[in-house]
Amino acid sequence: MRLDHVPRDVTLGSDDAELDEPMREVTILVRHHGEPESDVSANYPGVTLRSISSMTGRAAQRKRIIELSGDPEQMSSFLEEFREADSVQAAEPLSPLDRSQAYVAIVYDAYNWDSISERLTDMGIHYQMGTTITAGWERWTLYLERSDDLSDIVGSLEAAGNETELVKSVELGNIEPTRQLNVTRLVDELTPRQQEVLNAAIDSGYYDPKRDVTVEDIGDQFDIAPTTAWEHLQRAETKVMSEIADYLNT
């Protein structure tokens, strides 16, 4: 990490730090060398990995659910190479791998797993759950107190053979509130039939880049005319995209 690019006030706890200095939200990228999540991800830049559950298990064996998203053509190869890692004991898909999103249950040997989260925990650093990994880089959002020194944190991570890059550093008091995309409300705005048809279209691969599913196929599932199926999809898509557009604009 190029520490000359780190703002001076990010190094909390310095002599000139003000007593009432608030916590900071700091986002860093970590190239975690030697671990399959990061190393395999570097070989498949079209796939993003995200942790979606906490760890369970005792002693060495730990379990977790991850989400893979991105290029469906890379999913199976990604998972196959991931399984070959010494620390990975199992990696079984919970949903089809031929789509742009898949869920996988992994089991790994915690004694052979160098966890960034455990390093941060050992240093007493607050961090955001749900880390994403793309093209080999893990994205970590940290919450630093006045006594935390970012230089020490970076030094500890890099001493373990990792690379780091600073993405963002901002006082929590200066973070603008963001509007969350309310999926429940979005779905509730669809009629029951629109929900059924849209769900069937998604499940059948109608929205996949290389789809071979037609609106006629969707209509056949409900014994309705293609034009009727198209009208349900069009109205559902309009409502969904309008909600997303409002979210992006804010």
Protein backbone atom coordinates (compact mmCIF):
# COMPACT_ATOMS: atom_id res chain seq x y z
CA MET A 1 0.00 0.00 0.00
CA ARG A 2 1.27 3.44 -0.84
CA LEU A 3 1.05 5.10 2.54
CA ASP A 4 1.97 8.46 1.10
CA HIS A 5 -1.56 8.47 -0.31
CA VAL A 6 -3.17 7.89 3.08
CA PRO A 7 -4.58 11.14 4.54
CA ARG A 8 -2.67 12.22 7.64
CA ASP A 9 -5.77 12.12 9.80
CA VAL A 10 -6.37 8.49 8.88
CA THR A 11 -3.51 7.54 11.22
CA LEU A 12 -5.68 7.77 14.29
CA GLY A 13 -4.13 8.18 17.68
CA SER A 14 -1.35 10.54 16.55
CA ASP A 15 -0.23 13.34 18.83
CA ASP A 16 -2.08 16.00 16.85
CA ALA A 17 -5.36 14.04 16.72
CA GLU A 18 -8.23 15.89 18.30
CA LEU A 19 -9.82 14.32 21.37
CA ASP A 20 -13.26 14.39 19.85
CA GLU A 21 -12.19 12.89 16.51
CA PRO A 22 -15.00 10.56 15.30
CA MET A 23 -14.69 7.06 13.96
CA ARG A 24 -13.75 6.65 10.31
CA GLU A 25 -15.02 4.30 7.64
CA VAL A 26 -12.04 3.03 5.68
CA THR A 27 -12.32 0.74 2.66
CA ILE A 28 -9.26 -1.20 1.53
CA LEU A 29 -8.57 -3.86 -1.08
CA VAL A 30 -6.48 -6.84 -0.03
CA ARG A 31 -4.78 -9.22 -2.47
CA HIS A 32 -4.75 -12.21 -0.15
CA HIS A 33 -1.95 -14.41 -1.45
CA GLY A 34 -1.90 -18.10 -0.61
CA GLU A 35 -5.63 -18.55 0.03
CA PRO A 36 -8.06 -20.10 -2.51
CA GLU A 37 -10.78 -17.47 -2.25
CA SER A 38 -8.40 -14.79 -3.48
CA ASP A 39 -6.02 -16.85 -5.62
CA VAL A 40 -8.72 -18.72 -7.58
CA SER A 41 -10.65 -15.49 -8.00
CA ALA A 42 -7.57 -13.97 -9.66
CA ASN A 43 -7.75 -16.69 -12.32
CA TYR A 44 -11.45 -16.05 -12.98
CA PRO A 45 -11.98 -12.27 -13.06
CA GLY A 46 -15.48 -12.73 -14.47
CA VAL A 47 -16.70 -14.27 -11.20
CA THR A 48 -17.33 -12.37 -7.96
CA LEU A 49 -17.40 -14.23 -4.66
CA ARG A 50 -19.34 -12.94 -1.67
CA SER A 51 -19.75 -14.41 1.81
CA ILE A 52 -23.44 -14.52 2.73
CA SER A 53 -23.42 -16.48 5.99
CA SER A 54 -21.45 -16.58 9.19
CA MET A 55 -19.08 -19.46 9.90
CA THR A 56 -20.29 -22.51 11.77
CA GLY A 57 -18.55 -25.63 13.06
CA ARG A 58 -16.09 -26.56 15.73
CA ALA A 59 -12.35 -27.12 15.97
CA ALA A 60 -10.73 -27.28 12.53
CA GLN A 61 -13.80 -27.89 10.38
CA ARG A 62 -15.74 -24.73 9.51
CA LYS A 63 -18.71 -24.23 7.19
CA ARG A 64 -19.99 -21.21 5.30
CA ILE A 65 -22.25 -20.32 2.38
CA ILE A 66 -20.90 -18.14 -0.41
CA GLU A 67 -22.49 -16.53 -3.45
CA LEU A 68 -20.87 -16.67 -6.89
CA SER A 69 -22.04 -14.14 -9.47
CA GLY A 70 -20.94 -13.15 -12.95
CA ASP A 71 -20.04 -15.17 -16.05
CA PRO A 72 -21.91 -18.53 -15.96
CA GLU A 73 -19.30 -20.06 -18.27
CA GLN A 74 -16.64 -19.60 -15.57
CA MET A 75 -18.65 -20.87 -12.59
CA SER A 76 -17.95 -24.61 -12.89
CA SER A 77 -14.24 -24.11 -13.60
CA PHE A 78 -13.96 -21.69 -10.70
CA LEU A 79 -15.54 -24.18 -8.30
CA GLU A 80 -13.47 -27.10 -9.62
CA GLU A 81 -10.21 -25.25 -9.03
CA PHE A 82 -11.46 -23.99 -5.66
CA ARG A 83 -12.05 -27.60 -4.50
CA GLU A 84 -8.41 -28.49 -5.26
CA ALA A 85 -7.07 -26.18 -2.55
CA ASP A 86 -5.51 -28.01 0.41
CA SER A 87 -7.59 -26.11 2.94
CA VAL A 88 -10.93 -26.78 1.20
CA GLN A 89 -12.60 -30.00 2.32
CA ALA A 90 -15.81 -29.63 0.31
CA ALA A 91 -17.55 -27.14 -1.98
CA GLU A 92 -21.01 -28.19 -3.10
CA PRO A 93 -23.36 -26.02 -5.18
CA LEU A 94 -26.77 -25.29 -3.67
CA SER A 95 -28.15 -23.94 -6.95
CA PRO A 96 -27.36 -24.43 -10.68
CA LEU A 97 -23.96 -23.18 -11.85
CA ASP A 98 -25.12 -22.34 -15.38
CA ARG A 99 -26.67 -19.04 -14.34
CA SER A 100 -25.29 -15.64 -13.43
CA GLN A 101 -25.77 -16.29 -9.70
CA ALA A 102 -25.13 -19.45 -7.69
CA TYR A 103 -24.86 -20.43 -4.03
CA VAL A 104 -22.21 -22.82 -2.73
CA ALA A 105 -21.73 -24.47 0.67
CA ILE A 106 -18.05 -24.74 1.54
CA VAL A 107 -16.26 -26.66 4.28
CA TYR A 108 -12.65 -25.86 5.06
CA ASP A 109 -9.87 -26.60 7.50
CA ALA A 110 -9.61 -23.55 9.73
CA TYR A 111 -6.13 -24.53 10.88
CA ASN A 112 -4.85 -24.14 7.31
CA TRP A 113 -6.86 -21.04 6.47
CA ASP A 114 -5.28 -17.62 6.90
CA SER A 115 -8.35 -15.50 7.57
CA ILE A 116 -8.24 -11.72 7.11
CA SER A 117 -11.28 -11.44 9.38
CA GLU A 118 -9.45 -13.24 12.20
CA ARG A 119 -6.44 -10.95 11.76
CA LEU A 120 -8.70 -7.91 12.03
CA THR A 121 -10.48 -9.40 15.04
CA ASP A 122 -7.16 -10.08 16.75
CA MET A 123 -6.25 -6.41 16.21
CA GLY A 124 -9.59 -5.32 17.69
CA ILE A 125 -10.78 -3.75 14.42
CA HIS A 126 -14.46 -3.39 13.58
CA TYR A 127 -15.23 -4.51 10.04
CA GLN A 128 -18.25 -4.90 7.79
CA MET A 129 -19.54 -8.41 7.15
CA GLY A 130 -20.19 -9.73 3.63
CA THR A 131 -16.78 -9.31 2.01
CA THR A 132 -16.71 -9.43 -1.80
CA ILE A 133 -13.80 -10.79 -3.84
CA THR A 134 -13.28 -9.91 -7.51
CA ALA A 135 -10.24 -10.62 -9.70
CA GLY A 136 -8.28 -11.72 -6.63
CA TRP A 137 -8.92 -8.60 -4.53
CA GLU A 138 -10.91 -8.76 -1.29
CA ARG A 139 -12.87 -5.63 -0.42
CA TRP A 140 -12.87 -4.83 3.30
CA THR A 141 -14.66 -1.93 4.99
CA LEU A 142 -13.18 -1.08 8.39
CA TYR A 143 -14.47 1.16 11.16
CA LEU A 144 -11.53 2.76 12.93
CA GLU A 145 -11.63 4.32 16.35
CA ARG A 146 -9.42 7.23 17.40
CA SER A 147 -6.86 4.84 18.86
CA ASP A 148 -6.58 2.70 15.69
CA ASP A 149 -3.61 3.31 13.43
CA LEU A 150 -4.22 2.45 9.78
CA SER A 151 -0.49 2.19 9.14
CA ASP A 152 -0.20 -0.54 11.77
CA ILE A 153 -3.17 -2.42 10.31
CA VAL A 154 -1.76 -2.27 6.80
CA GLY A 155 1.67 -3.24 8.06
CA SER A 156 0.28 -6.34 9.77
CA LEU A 157 -1.61 -7.45 6.64
CA GLU A 158 1.35 -6.85 4.34
CA ALA A 159 3.77 -8.58 6.73
CA ALA A 160 1.74 -11.74 6.08
CA GLY A 161 2.54 -11.49 2.36
CA ASN A 162 -0.53 -9.58 1.22
CA GLU A 163 -0.92 -6.46 -0.91
CA THR A 164 -3.25 -3.62 0.07
CA GLU A 165 -4.74 -0.59 -1.63
CA LEU A 166 -6.65 2.25 0.01
CA VAL A 167 -10.04 2.89 -1.61
CA LYS A 168 -11.80 5.32 0.71
CA SER A 169 -11.48 7.01 4.08
CA VAL A 170 -14.23 9.22 5.47
CA GLU A 171 -15.52 10.27 8.88
CA LEU A 172 -18.72 8.46 9.77
CA GLY A 173 -20.38 11.79 10.46
CA ASN A 174 -19.75 12.85 6.85
CA ILE A 175 -21.28 9.76 5.24
CA GLU A 176 -24.43 10.64 3.35
CA PRO A 177 -27.42 8.39 4.08
CA THR A 178 -28.15 6.09 1.16
CA ARG A 179 -31.50 4.81 0.06
CA GLN A 180 -31.81 1.03 0.26
CA LEU A 181 -33.48 -0.85 -2.55
CA ASN A 182 -36.64 -2.24 -0.95
CA VAL A 183 -37.07 -5.58 -2.71
CA THR A 184 -40.10 -6.56 -0.62
CA ARG A 185 -41.98 -3.41 -1.58
CA LEU A 186 -40.89 -3.83 -5.19
CA VAL A 187 -42.30 -7.36 -5.35
CA ASP A 188 -45.49 -6.33 -3.55
CA GLU A 189 -46.18 -3.83 -6.33
CA LEU A 190 -46.42 -6.69 -8.83
CA THR A 191 -49.68 -8.56 -9.28
CA PRO A 192 -49.61 -12.27 -8.33
CA ARG A 193 -49.67 -13.25 -12.01
CA GLN A 194 -46.83 -10.84 -12.83
CA GLN A 195 -44.80 -12.36 -9.99
CA GLU A 196 -45.46 -15.89 -11.28
CA VAL A 197 -44.57 -15.12 -14.88
CA LEU A 198 -41.49 -13.09 -13.97
CA ASN A 199 -40.26 -15.80 -11.62
CA ALA A 200 -40.81 -18.46 -14.29
CA ALA A 201 -38.87 -16.37 -16.82
CA ILE A 202 -35.94 -15.97 -14.44
CA ASP A 203 -35.89 -19.65 -13.45
CA SER A 204 -36.05 -20.84 -17.05
CA GLY A 205 -33.12 -18.66 -18.13
CA TYR A 206 -35.13 -16.16 -20.17
CA TYR A 207 -32.81 -13.34 -19.07
CA ASP A 208 -29.54 -15.22 -19.52
CA PRO A 209 -27.17 -13.67 -22.13
CA LYS A 210 -27.24 -16.76 -24.36
CA ARG A 211 -30.85 -17.66 -23.82
CA ASP A 212 -32.79 -20.11 -25.94
CA VAL A 213 -36.02 -19.61 -23.99
CA THR A 214 -38.75 -17.64 -25.77
CA VAL A 215 -41.82 -15.82 -24.55
CA GLU A 216 -43.82 -18.62 -26.16
CA ASP A 217 -42.12 -21.06 -23.76
CA ILE A 218 -43.11 -18.87 -20.83
CA GLY A 219 -46.71 -18.75 -22.05
CA ASP A 220 -46.83 -22.52 -22.40
CA GLN A 221 -45.97 -22.93 -18.71
CA PHE A 222 -49.17 -21.10 -17.78
CA ASP A 223 -51.28 -22.15 -20.76
CA ILE A 224 -51.63 -18.54 -21.89
CA ALA A 225 -51.02 -16.85 -25.23
CA PRO A 226 -47.51 -15.50 -25.94
CA THR A 227 -48.88 -11.97 -26.17
CA THR A 228 -50.42 -12.32 -22.70
CA ALA A 229 -47.16 -13.66 -21.28
CA TRP A 230 -45.29 -10.77 -22.94
CA GLU A 231 -47.71 -8.22 -21.43
CA HIS A 232 -47.21 -9.65 -17.94
CA LEU A 233 -43.43 -9.56 -18.36
CA GLN A 234 -43.43 -6.06 -19.82
CA ARG A 235 -45.50 -4.64 -16.98
CA ALA A 236 -43.43 -6.43 -14.36
CA GLU A 237 -40.18 -5.29 -15.97
CA THR A 238 -41.43 -1.69 -16.14
CA LYS A 239 -42.23 -1.65 -12.42
CA VAL A 240 -38.94 -3.31 -11.47
CA MET A 241 -36.77 -1.11 -13.67
CA SER A 242 -38.54 2.08 -12.54
CA GLU A 243 -37.80 1.22 -8.91
CA ILE A 244 -34.17 0.46 -9.74
CA ALA A 245 -33.85 3.69 -11.72
CA ASP A 246 -35.17 5.71 -8.75
CA TYR A 247 -32.67 3.92 -6.49
CA LEU A 248 -29.73 4.62 -8.83
CA ASN A 249 -30.71 8.27 -9.22
CA THR A 250 -30.52 8.74 -5.45
